[in-house]
C-alpha atoms as a PDB file:
ATOM      1  CA  UNK A   1      86.972  25.889  41.307  1.00  0.00           C
ATOM      2  CA  UNK A   2      88.930  23.218  39.472  1.00  0.00           C
ATOM      3  CA  UNK A   3      85.834  22.376  37.411  1.00  0.00           C
ATOM      4  CA  UNK A   4      85.363  26.016  36.397  1.00  0.00           C
ATOM      5  CA  UNK A   5      89.038  26.306  35.439  1.00  0.00           C
ATOM      6  CA  UNK A   6      88.790  23.132  33.422  1.00  0.00           C
ATOM      7  CA  UNK A   7      85.678  24.358  31.602  1.00  0.00           C
ATOM      8  CA  UNK A   8      87.353  27.714  30.931  1.00  0.00           C
ATOM      9  CA  UNK A   9      90.369  25.916  29.489  1.00  0.00           C
ATOM     10  CA  UNK A  10      88.158  23.718  27.276  1.00  0.00           C
ATOM     11  CA  UNK A  11      86.235  26.785  26.099  1.00  0.00           C
ATOM     12  CA  UNK A  12      89.495  28.570  25.223  1.00  0.00           C
ATOM     13  CA  UNK A  13      90.809  25.547  23.323  1.00  0.00           C
ATOM     14  CA  UNK A  14      87.479  25.215  21.484  1.00  0.00           C
ATOM     15  CA  UNK A  15      87.548  28.871  20.457  1.00  0.00           C
ATOM     16  CA  UNK A  16      91.127  28.580  19.209  1.00  0.00           C
ATOM     17  CA  UNK A  17      90.182  25.443  17.298  1.00  0.00           C
ATOM     18  CA  UNK A  18      87.170  27.089  15.701  1.00  0.00           C
ATOM     19  CA  UNK A  19      89.188  30.106  14.585  1.00  0.00           C
ATOM     20  CA  UNK A  20      91.898  27.866  13.140  1.00  0.00           C
ATOM     21  CA  UNK A  21      89.247  25.820  11.402  1.00  0.00           C
ATOM     22  CA  UNK A  22      87.843  28.900   9.680  1.00  0.00           C
ATOM     23  CA  UNK A  23      91.204  29.635   8.046  1.00  0.00           C
ATOM     24  CA  UNK A  24      90.850  27.067   5.288  1.00  0.00           C
ATOM     25  CA  UNK A  25      93.346  28.680   2.928  1.00  0.00           C
ATOM     26  CA  UNK A  26      97.061  29.154   3.541  1.00  0.00           C
ATOM     27  CA  UNK A  27      98.491  32.510   2.502  1.00  0.00           C
ATOM     28  CA  UNK A  28     101.427  31.869   0.152  1.00  0.00           C
ATOM     29  CA  UNK A  29     103.696  34.894  -0.223  1.00  0.00           C
ATOM     30  CA  UNK A  30     105.808  35.601  -3.302  1.00  0.00           C
ATOM     31  CA  UNK A  31     108.871  34.636  -1.256  1.00  0.00           C
ATOM     32  CA  UNK A  32     107.235  31.304  -0.324  1.00  0.00           C
ATOM     33  CA  UNK A  33     106.398  30.655  -3.968  1.00  0.00           C
ATOM     34  CA  UNK A  34     109.885  31.463  -5.285  1.00  0.00           C
ATOM     35  CA  UNK A  35     111.452  29.316  -2.582  1.00  0.00           C
ATOM     36  CA  UNK A  36     109.225  26.399  -3.653  1.00  0.00           C
ATOM     37  CA  UNK A  37     110.262  26.912  -7.280  1.00  0.00           C
ATOM     38  CA  UNK A  38     113.931  26.788  -6.331  1.00  0.00           C
ATOM     39  CA  UNK A  39     113.378  23.727  -4.150  1.00  0.00           C
ATOM     40  CA  UNK A  40     111.948  22.109  -7.289  1.00  0.00           C
ATOM     41  CA  UNK A  41     115.261  22.866  -9.028  1.00  0.00           C
ATOM     42  CA  UNK A  42     114.037  25.852 -11.063  1.00  0.00           C
ATOM     43  CA  UNK A  43     116.253  28.755 -12.113  1.00  0.00           C
ATOM     44  CA  UNK A  44     115.120  32.339 -12.713  1.00  0.00           C
ATOM     45  CA  UNK A  45     114.923  33.561 -16.318  1.00  0.00           C
ATOM     46  CA  UNK A  46     114.090  36.931 -17.809  1.00  0.00           C
ATOM     47  CA  UNK A  47     110.452  37.219 -18.981  1.00  0.00           C
ATOM     48  CA  UNK A  48     111.663  38.530 -22.334  1.00  0.00           C
ATOM     49  CA  UNK A  49     114.137  35.664 -22.825  1.00  0.00           C
ATOM     50  CA  UNK A  50     113.080  33.632 -25.860  1.00  0.00           C
ATOM     51  CA  UNK A  51     115.972  31.165 -25.584  1.00  0.00           C
ATOM     52  CA  UNK A  52     114.443  28.840 -22.976  1.00  0.00           C
ATOM     53  CA  UNK A  53     114.809  25.313 -24.393  1.00  0.00           C
ATOM     54  CA  UNK A  54     113.642  21.819 -23.433  1.00  0.00           C
ATOM     55  CA  UNK A  55     116.628  21.176 -21.176  1.00  0.00           C
ATOM     56  CA  UNK A  56     115.850  24.345 -19.211  1.00  0.00           C
ATOM     57  CA  UNK A  57     112.236  23.260 -18.793  1.00  0.00           C
ATOM     58  CA  UNK A  58     113.309  19.822 -17.608  1.00  0.00           C
ATOM     59  CA  UNK A  59     115.130  21.462 -14.697  1.00  0.00           C
ATOM     60  CA  UNK A  60     112.427  24.084 -14.247  1.00  0.00           C
ATOM     61  CA  UNK A  61     112.310  27.843 -14.787  1.00  0.00           C
ATOM     62  CA  UNK A  62     110.513  30.753 -13.174  1.00  0.00           C
ATOM     63  CA  UNK A  63     110.152  34.397 -14.123  1.00  0.00           C
ATOM     64  CA  UNK A  64     109.075  37.485 -12.197  1.00  0.00           C
ATOM     65  CA  UNK A  65     106.726  39.664 -14.249  1.00  0.00           C
ATOM     66  CA  UNK A  66     105.020  42.999 -13.791  1.00  0.00           C
ATOM     67  CA  UNK A  67     101.350  43.614 -14.570  1.00  0.00           C
ATOM     68  CA  UNK A  68     102.206  45.056 -17.992  1.00  0.00           C
ATOM     69  CA  UNK A  69     103.712  41.713 -19.007  1.00  0.00           C
ATOM     70  CA  UNK A  70     100.625  39.885 -17.781  1.00  0.00           C
ATOM     71  CA  UNK A  71      98.298  42.232 -19.640  1.00  0.00           C
ATOM     72  CA  UNK A  72     100.299  41.939 -22.860  1.00  0.00           C
ATOM     73  CA  UNK A  73     100.809  38.180 -22.899  1.00  0.00           C
ATOM     74  CA  UNK A  74      97.869  36.678 -21.028  1.00  0.00           C
ATOM     75  CA  UNK A  75      94.986  38.993 -21.849  1.00  0.00           C
ATOM     76  CA  UNK A  76      91.825  38.438 -23.859  1.00  0.00           C
ATOM     77  CA  UNK A  77      93.381  40.495 -26.687  1.00  0.00           C
ATOM     78  CA  UNK A  78      96.330  38.110 -26.964  1.00  0.00           C
ATOM     79  CA  UNK A  79      93.888  35.199 -27.331  1.00  0.00           C
ATOM     80  CA  UNK A  80      91.538  36.939 -29.762  1.00  0.00           C
ATOM     81  CA  UNK A  81      92.868  35.168 -32.866  1.00  0.00           C
ATOM     82  CA  UNK A  82      92.282  31.765 -31.279  1.00  0.00           C
ATOM     83  CA  UNK A  83      88.824  32.765 -30.105  1.00  0.00           C
ATOM     84  CA  UNK A  84      87.811  33.965 -33.573  1.00  0.00           C
ATOM     85  CA  UNK A  85      89.134  30.769 -35.150  1.00  0.00           C
ATOM     86  CA  UNK A  86      87.221  28.434 -32.845  1.00  0.00           C
ATOM     87  CA  UNK A  87      84.189  30.656 -32.288  1.00  0.00           C
ATOM     88  CA  UNK A  88      84.510  30.378 -28.516  1.00  0.00           C
ATOM     89  CA  UNK A  89      85.821  32.691 -25.806  1.00  0.00           C
ATOM     90  CA  UNK A  90      88.920  31.605 -23.879  1.00  0.00           C
ATOM     91  CA  UNK A  91      88.986  32.808 -20.264  1.00  0.00           C
ATOM     92  CA  UNK A  92      92.145  34.872 -19.720  1.00  0.00           C
ATOM     93  CA  UNK A  93      93.989  36.202 -16.724  1.00  0.00           C
ATOM     94  CA  UNK A  94      92.523  39.679 -17.157  1.00  0.00           C
ATOM     95  CA  UNK A  95      88.990  38.263 -17.110  1.00  0.00           C
ATOM     96  CA  UNK A  96      89.708  36.903 -13.625  1.00  0.00           C
ATOM     97  CA  UNK A  97      92.197  39.385 -12.146  1.00  0.00           C
ATOM     98  CA  UNK A  98      92.429  42.935 -13.470  1.00  0.00           C
ATOM     99  CA  UNK A  99      96.124  43.637 -14.255  1.00  0.00           C
ATOM    100  CA  UNK A 100      95.692  46.932 -12.397  1.00  0.00           C
ATOM    101  CA  UNK A 101      95.194  44.823  -9.265  1.00  0.00           C
ATOM    102  CA  UNK A 102      98.492  42.956  -9.765  1.00  0.00           C
ATOM    103  CA  UNK A 103     101.744  44.291  -8.356  1.00  0.00           C
ATOM    104  CA  UNK A 104     103.871  41.382  -9.588  1.00  0.00           C
ATOM    105  CA  UNK A 105     103.453  37.855 -10.855  1.00  0.00           C
ATOM    106  CA  UNK A 106     105.743  34.826 -10.761  1.00  0.00           C
ATOM    107  CA  UNK A 107     105.323  32.143 -13.413  1.00  0.00           C
ATOM    108  CA  UNK A 108     106.900  28.694 -12.904  1.00  0.00           C
ATOM    109  CA  UNK A 109     107.135  25.810 -15.348  1.00  0.00           C
ATOM    110  CA  UNK A 110     108.798  22.422 -15.349  1.00  0.00           C
ATOM    111  CA  UNK A 111     108.205  19.635 -17.852  1.00  0.00           C
ATOM    112  CA  UNK A 112     109.751  16.322 -18.774  1.00  0.00           C
ATOM    113  CA  UNK A 113     108.274  14.699 -21.860  1.00  0.00           C
ATOM    114  CA  UNK A 114     109.007  12.553 -24.908  1.00  0.00           C
ATOM    115  CA  UNK A 115     106.528  14.113 -27.335  1.00  0.00           C
ATOM    116  CA  UNK A 116     109.203  14.435 -29.995  1.00  0.00           C
ATOM    117  CA  UNK A 117     109.455  10.615 -30.079  1.00  0.00           C
ATOM    118  CA  UNK A 118     105.776  10.259 -31.021  1.00  0.00           C
ATOM    119  CA  UNK A 119     105.864   9.841 -34.795  1.00  0.00           C
ATOM    120  CA  UNK A 120     102.493   8.206 -35.479  1.00  0.00           C
ATOM    121  CA  UNK A 121      99.237   7.563 -33.570  1.00  0.00           C
ATOM    122  CA  UNK A 122     100.372   4.081 -32.499  1.00  0.00           C
ATOM    123  CA  UNK A 123     103.084   5.717 -30.394  1.00  0.00           C
ATOM    124  CA  UNK A 124     100.585   7.633 -28.246  1.00  0.00           C
ATOM    125  CA  UNK A 125     100.455   4.841 -25.682  1.00  0.00           C
ATOM    126  CA  UNK A 126     104.215   5.324 -25.166  1.00  0.00           C
ATOM    127  CA  UNK A 127     103.804   8.950 -24.082  1.00  0.00           C
ATOM    128  CA  UNK A 128     105.694   9.869 -20.918  1.00  0.00           C
ATOM    129  CA  UNK A 129     104.800  13.345 -19.645  1.00  0.00           C
ATOM    130  CA  UNK A 130     105.273  15.020 -16.293  1.00  0.00           C
ATOM    131  CA  UNK A 131     104.630  18.735 -16.198  1.00  0.00           C
ATOM    132  CA  UNK A 132     103.555  21.566 -13.962  1.00  0.00           C
ATOM    133  CA  UNK A 133     102.751  25.251 -14.346  1.00  0.00           C
ATOM    134  CA  UNK A 134     102.402  27.522 -11.339  1.00  0.00           C
ATOM    135  CA  UNK A 135     101.573  31.202 -11.017  1.00  0.00           C
ATOM    136  CA  UNK A 136     101.685  33.536  -8.052  1.00  0.00           C
ATOM    137  CA  UNK A 137     100.020  36.945  -8.051  1.00  0.00           C
ATOM    138  CA  UNK A 138     100.858  39.653  -5.535  1.00  0.00           C
ATOM    139  CA  UNK A 139      97.695  41.745  -5.400  1.00  0.00           C
ATOM    140  CA  UNK A 140      97.368  45.442  -4.653  1.00  0.00           C
ATOM    141  CA  UNK A 141      94.688  44.870  -2.008  1.00  0.00           C
ATOM    142  CA  UNK A 142      93.790  42.250   0.602  1.00  0.00           C
ATOM    143  CA  UNK A 143      90.048  42.405  -0.083  1.00  0.00           C
ATOM    144  CA  UNK A 144      89.794  41.215  -3.709  1.00  0.00           C
ATOM    145  CA  UNK A 145      89.025  37.566  -2.984  1.00  0.00           C
ATOM    146  CA  UNK A 146      85.238  37.814  -3.366  1.00  0.00           C
ATOM    147  CA  UNK A 147      85.493  39.584  -6.725  1.00  0.00           C
ATOM    148  CA  UNK A 148      88.169  37.211  -8.035  1.00  0.00           C
ATOM    149  CA  UNK A 149      86.323  34.083  -6.887  1.00  0.00           C
ATOM    150  CA  UNK A 150      83.184  35.327  -8.684  1.00  0.00           C
ATOM    151  CA  UNK A 151      85.232  35.957 -11.830  1.00  0.00           C
ATOM    152  CA  UNK A 152      86.757  32.500 -11.507  1.00  0.00           C
ATOM    153  CA  UNK A 153      83.294  30.945 -11.271  1.00  0.00           C
ATOM    154  CA  UNK A 154      82.208  32.868 -14.378  1.00  0.00           C
ATOM    155  CA  UNK A 155      85.308  31.667 -16.232  1.00  0.00           C
ATOM    156  CA  UNK A 156      84.611  28.063 -15.284  1.00  0.00           C
ATOM    157  CA  UNK A 157      81.138  28.519 -16.757  1.00  0.00           C
ATOM    158  CA  UNK A 158      82.891  29.024 -20.115  1.00  0.00           C
ATOM    159  CA  UNK A 159      84.119  25.440 -19.744  1.00  0.00           C
ATOM    160  CA  UNK A 160      80.616  24.235 -18.820  1.00  0.00           C
ATOM    161  CA  UNK A 161      81.676  23.798 -15.177  1.00  0.00           C
ATOM    162  CA  UNK A 162      79.248  25.019 -12.494  1.00  0.00           C
ATOM    163  CA  UNK A 163      80.926  25.620  -9.123  1.00  0.00           C
ATOM    164  CA  UNK A 164      77.657  24.648  -7.419  1.00  0.00           C
ATOM    165  CA  UNK A 165      78.261  21.107  -8.666  1.00  0.00           C
ATOM    166  CA  UNK A 166      81.646  20.946  -6.918  1.00  0.00           C
ATOM    167  CA  UNK A 167      82.074  19.469  -3.449  1.00  0.00           C
ATOM    168  CA  UNK A 168      83.140  21.497  -0.414  1.00  0.00           C
ATOM    169  CA  UNK A 169      86.624  20.007  -0.805  1.00  0.00           C
ATOM    170  CA  UNK A 170      86.733  21.282  -4.389  1.00  0.00           C
ATOM    171  CA  UNK A 171      85.257  24.753  -3.954  1.00  0.00           C
ATOM    172  CA  UNK A 172      85.238  27.136  -1.026  1.00  0.00           C
ATOM    173  CA  UNK A 173      84.706  30.879  -0.665  1.00  0.00           C
ATOM    174  CA  UNK A 174      85.125  32.669   2.648  1.00  0.00           C
ATOM    175  CA  UNK A 175      85.991  36.132   3.904  1.00  0.00           C
ATOM    176  CA  UNK A 176      88.972  37.296   1.838  1.00  0.00           C
ATOM    177  CA  UNK A 177      89.892  33.731   0.901  1.00  0.00           C
ATOM    178  CA  UNK A 178      88.844  30.861  -1.306  1.00  0.00           C
ATOM    179  CA  UNK A 179      89.976  27.880  -3.345  1.00  0.00           C
ATOM    180  CA  UNK A 180      89.107  25.669  -6.294  1.00  0.00           C
ATOM    181  CA  UNK A 181      90.640  22.185  -6.550  1.00  0.00           C
ATOM    182  CA  UNK A 182      89.877  19.702  -9.336  1.00  0.00           C
ATOM    183  CA  UNK A 183      91.363  16.300 -10.083  1.00  0.00           C
ATOM    184  CA  UNK A 184      90.667  14.150 -13.148  1.00  0.00           C
ATOM    185  CA  UNK A 185      92.108  10.687 -13.756  1.00  0.00           C
ATOM    186  CA  UNK A 186      93.240   9.893 -17.295  1.00  0.00           C
ATOM    187  CA  UNK A 187      90.791   7.000 -17.637  1.00  0.00           C
ATOM    188  CA  UNK A 188      87.839   9.301 -16.831  1.00  0.00           C
ATOM    189  CA  UNK A 189      89.042  11.963 -19.270  1.00  0.00           C
ATOM    190  CA  UNK A 190      89.600   9.359 -21.997  1.00  0.00           C
ATOM    191  CA  UNK A 191      86.146   7.842 -21.413  1.00  0.00           C
ATOM    192  CA  UNK A 192      84.497  11.265 -21.677  1.00  0.00           C
ATOM    193  CA  UNK A 193      86.532  12.115 -24.784  1.00  0.00           C
ATOM    194  CA  UNK A 194      85.478   8.884 -26.496  1.00  0.00           C
ATOM    195  CA  UNK A 195      81.857   9.972 -26.117  1.00  0.00           C
ATOM    196  CA  UNK A 196      82.553  13.351 -27.717  1.00  0.00           C
ATOM    197  CA  UNK A 197      81.793  14.509 -31.251  1.00  0.00           C
ATOM    198  CA  UNK A 198      85.427  15.495 -31.753  1.00  0.00           C
ATOM    199  CA  UNK A 199      86.569  11.935 -31.022  1.00  0.00           C
ATOM    200  CA  UNK A 200      84.137  10.676 -33.658  1.00  0.00           C
ATOM    201  CA  UNK A 201      85.630  13.011 -36.272  1.00  0.00           C
ATOM    202  CA  UNK A 202      89.202  12.095 -35.321  1.00  0.00           C
ATOM    203  CA  UNK A 203      88.356   8.401 -35.461  1.00  0.00           C
ATOM    204  CA  UNK A 204      86.891   8.804 -38.942  1.00  0.00           C
ATOM    205  CA  UNK A 205      89.978  10.704 -40.120  1.00  0.00           C
ATOM    206  CA  UNK A 206      92.288   8.023 -38.684  1.00  0.00           C
ATOM    207  CA  UNK A 207      90.495   5.253 -40.528  1.00  0.00           C
ATOM    208  CA  UNK A 208      90.887   1.581 -39.686  1.00  0.00           C
ATOM    209  CA  UNK A 209      94.677   1.560 -39.544  1.00  0.00           C
ATOM    210  CA  UNK A 210      94.743   2.425 -35.856  1.00  0.00           C
ATOM    211  CA  UNK A 211      92.588   1.332 -32.937  1.00  0.00           C
ATOM    212  CA  UNK A 212      92.196   4.692 -31.182  1.00  0.00           C
ATOM    213  CA  UNK A 213      90.064   3.229 -28.407  1.00  0.00           C
ATOM    214  CA  UNK A 214      92.748   0.707 -27.474  1.00  0.00           C
ATOM    215  CA  UNK A 215      95.546   3.261 -27.817  1.00  0.00           C
ATOM    216  CA  UNK A 216      93.899   5.928 -25.666  1.00  0.00           C
ATOM    217  CA  UNK A 217      92.568   3.348 -23.233  1.00  0.00           C
ATOM    218  CA  UNK A 218      96.122   2.310 -22.420  1.00  0.00           C
ATOM    219  CA  UNK A 219      97.027   5.765 -21.102  1.00  0.00           C
ATOM    220  CA  UNK A 220      97.409   6.307 -17.371  1.00  0.00           C
ATOM    221  CA  UNK A 221      97.876   9.504 -15.421  1.00  0.00           C
ATOM    222  CA  UNK A 222      95.949  12.492 -14.110  1.00  0.00           C
ATOM    223  CA  UNK A 223      95.373  16.229 -14.285  1.00  0.00           C
ATOM    224  CA  UNK A 224      95.241  18.439 -11.208  1.00  0.00           C
ATOM    225  CA  UNK A 225      94.175  22.089 -11.083  1.00  0.00           C
ATOM    226  CA  UNK A 226      94.135  24.343  -8.034  1.00  0.00           C
ATOM    227  CA  UNK A 227      93.516  28.022  -7.327  1.00  0.00           C
ATOM    228  CA  UNK A 228      94.115  29.513  -3.892  1.00  0.00           C
ATOM    229  CA  UNK A 229      93.559  33.086  -2.765  1.00  0.00           C
ATOM    230  CA  UNK A 230      94.170  34.501   0.685  1.00  0.00           C
ATOM    231  CA  UNK A 231      94.315  38.229   1.272  1.00  0.00           C
ATOM    232  CA  UNK A 232      96.803  39.764  -1.154  1.00  0.00           C
ATOM    233  CA  UNK A 233      98.186  36.484  -2.495  1.00  0.00           C
ATOM    234  CA  UNK A 234      96.767  34.232  -5.206  1.00  0.00           C
ATOM    235  CA  UNK A 235      98.249  30.981  -6.524  1.00  0.00           C
ATOM    236  CA  UNK A 236      97.381  28.912  -9.595  1.00  0.00           C
ATOM    237  CA  UNK A 237      98.677  25.349 -10.015  1.00  0.00           C
ATOM    238  CA  UNK A 238      98.203  23.107 -13.061  1.00  0.00           C
ATOM    239  CA  UNK A 239      99.884  19.717 -13.124  1.00  0.00           C
ATOM    240  CA  UNK A 240      99.562  16.756 -15.449  1.00  0.00           C
ATOM    241  CA  UNK A 241     101.263  13.419 -15.880  1.00  0.00           C
ATOM    242  CA  UNK A 242     100.814  10.693 -18.484  1.00  0.00           C
ATOM    243  CA  UNK A 243     102.373   7.251 -18.008  1.00  0.00           C
ATOM    244  CA  UNK A 244     104.920   8.793 -15.632  1.00  0.00           C
ATOM    245  CA  UNK A 245     106.335   7.252 -12.469  1.00  0.00           C
ATOM    246  CA  UNK A 246     106.352  10.623 -10.686  1.00  0.00           C
ATOM    247  CA  UNK A 247     104.176  13.714 -10.533  1.00  0.00           C
ATOM    248  CA  UNK A 248     105.627  17.198 -10.079  1.00  0.00           C
ATOM    249  CA  UNK A 249     102.363  18.546  -8.684  1.00  0.00           C
ATOM    250  CA  UNK A 250     102.765  16.314  -5.614  1.00  0.00           C
ATOM    251  CA  UNK A 251     106.189  17.770  -4.849  1.00  0.00           C
ATOM    252  CA  UNK A 252     105.217  21.368  -5.625  1.00  0.00           C
ATOM    253  CA  UNK A 253     102.110  21.364  -3.441  1.00  0.00           C
ATOM    254  CA  UNK A 254     104.205  19.825  -0.668  1.00  0.00           C
ATOM    255  CA  UNK A 255     106.825  22.579  -0.996  1.00  0.00           C
ATOM    256  CA  UNK A 256     104.062  25.224  -0.845  1.00  0.00           C
ATOM    257  CA  UNK A 257     102.289  23.421   2.018  1.00  0.00           C
ATOM    258  CA  UNK A 258      98.953  23.642   0.194  1.00  0.00           C
ATOM    259  CA  UNK A 259      96.408  20.948  -0.588  1.00  0.00           C
ATOM    260  CA  UNK A 260      97.171  18.732  -3.577  1.00  0.00           C
ATOM    261  CA  UNK A 261      94.118  18.545  -5.885  1.00  0.00           C
ATOM    262  CA  UNK A 262      95.229  15.072  -6.981  1.00  0.00           C
ATOM    263  CA  UNK A 263      94.493  13.806  -3.463  1.00  0.00           C
ATOM    264  CA  UNK A 264      90.777  14.381  -4.179  1.00  0.00           C
ATOM    265  CA  UNK A 265      88.521  11.878  -5.985  1.00  0.00           C
ATOM    266  CA  UNK A 266      88.506  12.155  -9.764  1.00  0.00           C
ATOM    267  CA  UNK A 267      85.671  14.397 -10.980  1.00  0.00           C
ATOM    268  CA  UNK A 268      83.941  12.619 -13.869  1.00  0.00           C
ATOM    269  CA  UNK A 269      81.402  15.428 -14.320  1.00  0.00           C
ATOM    270  CA  UNK A 270      84.141  17.984 -14.924  1.00  0.00           C
ATOM    271  CA  UNK A 271      85.816  15.609 -17.416  1.00  0.00           C
ATOM    272  CA  UNK A 272      82.548  15.406 -19.356  1.00  0.00           C
ATOM    273  CA  UNK A 273      82.068  19.187 -19.176  1.00  0.00           C
ATOM    274  CA  UNK A 274      85.541  19.781 -20.600  1.00  0.00           C
ATOM    275  CA  UNK A 275      84.833  17.423 -23.493  1.00  0.00           C
ATOM    276  CA  UNK A 276      81.555  19.249 -24.138  1.00  0.00           C
ATOM    277  CA  UNK A 277      83.605  22.446 -24.300  1.00  0.00           C
ATOM    278  CA  UNK A 278      85.979  20.812 -26.803  1.00  0.00           C
ATOM    279  CA  UNK A 279      82.976  19.804 -28.895  1.00  0.00           C
ATOM    280  CA  UNK A 280      81.642  23.369 -28.821  1.00  0.00           C
ATOM    281  CA  UNK A 281      85.064  24.809 -29.708  1.00  0.00           C
ATOM    282  CA  UNK A 282      86.368  22.387 -32.315  1.00  0.00           C
ATOM    283  CA  UNK A 283      83.324  20.398 -33.427  1.00  0.00           C
ATOM    284  CA  UNK A 284      82.100  22.915 -36.045  1.00  0.00           C
ATOM    285  CA  UNK A 285      85.590  23.257 -37.527  1.00  0.00           C
ATOM    286  CA  UNK A 286      86.134  19.473 -37.728  1.00  0.00           C
ATOM    287  CA  UNK A 287      82.658  19.046 -39.156  1.00  0.00           C
ATOM    288  CA  UNK A 288      83.606  21.452 -41.934  1.00  0.00           C
ATOM    289  CA  UNK A 289      86.823  19.520 -42.628  1.00  0.00           C
ATOM    290  CA  UNK A 290      84.866  16.254 -42.717  1.00  0.00           C
ATOM    291  CA  UNK A 291      82.402  17.782 -45.172  1.00  0.00           C
ATOM    292  CA  UNK A 292      85.234  18.943 -47.459  1.00  0.00           C
ATOM    293  CA  UNK A 293      86.872  15.512 -47.274  1.00  0.00           C
ATOM    294  CA  UNK A 294      83.586  13.865 -48.163  1.00  0.00           C
ATOM    295  CA  UNK A 295      83.079  16.153 -51.182  1.00  0.00           C
ATOM    296  CA  UNK A 296      86.662  15.787 -52.411  1.00  0.00           C
ATOM    297  CA  UNK A 297      87.096  12.073 -51.900  1.00  0.00           C
ATOM    298  CA  UNK A 298      83.547  10.776 -52.046  1.00  0.00           C
ATOM    299  CA  UNK A 299      83.504   9.463 -48.488  1.00  0.00           C
END
């Protein structure tokens, strides 16, 4: 009898463990997200407020927006001028989540940087940047995850990133849930950029007065990107730091109790894919500038 009870208990524990294991994505409510923003020191601002300055961003700000705001400011139409200039399509929020499927969105930003102190290329190695952008979408339905994850995969294709090349820790899609997590170290991004066509053009424009390879090679830091969807809640996190002693994305992911993409190994393949995208987007334009410079100055 004791053996049967023990086996029944083990079976129950195993079933509970298997169910818990299937829930790979934490559902982050709008309240959870706003609380995390405020724990990061952020203050609420009006979406139509154009007076947000650098000091506000250093402390952090967040805004609560309706779907009309999202459609107007983060749609493919609002990016059309950039797309026509570069000849490439920029994935937008409405290409991933239809604004009609959004009840509300919260946008969070915090950044500490010294970009204004960078006066010439030699100063690049003195950059000190720590920034994060987060977005939370309250969806109109709990069963949109499959559609949104497919749209996300299609959007990543625009950046030459195939989700099938990502590990199980970087990409997951389940029933009404999913995630994408990508981490790139600065040294891997710099190495990929130095192999790009765009870097070659920039190096030729800079001339011999600056050693771009040495300057860029001195940079440290990382970029982390994460997308989580569970039922009617979706969260986007983008964090980056350059030569900084701290990283906001670590603190924010901790406040949200979600996985930090920067805890994953750096993805060199994604770094190379992004640089290929930069080549496709800006290479033709820089090539034209180089041709004009050659004609005008006899280079």
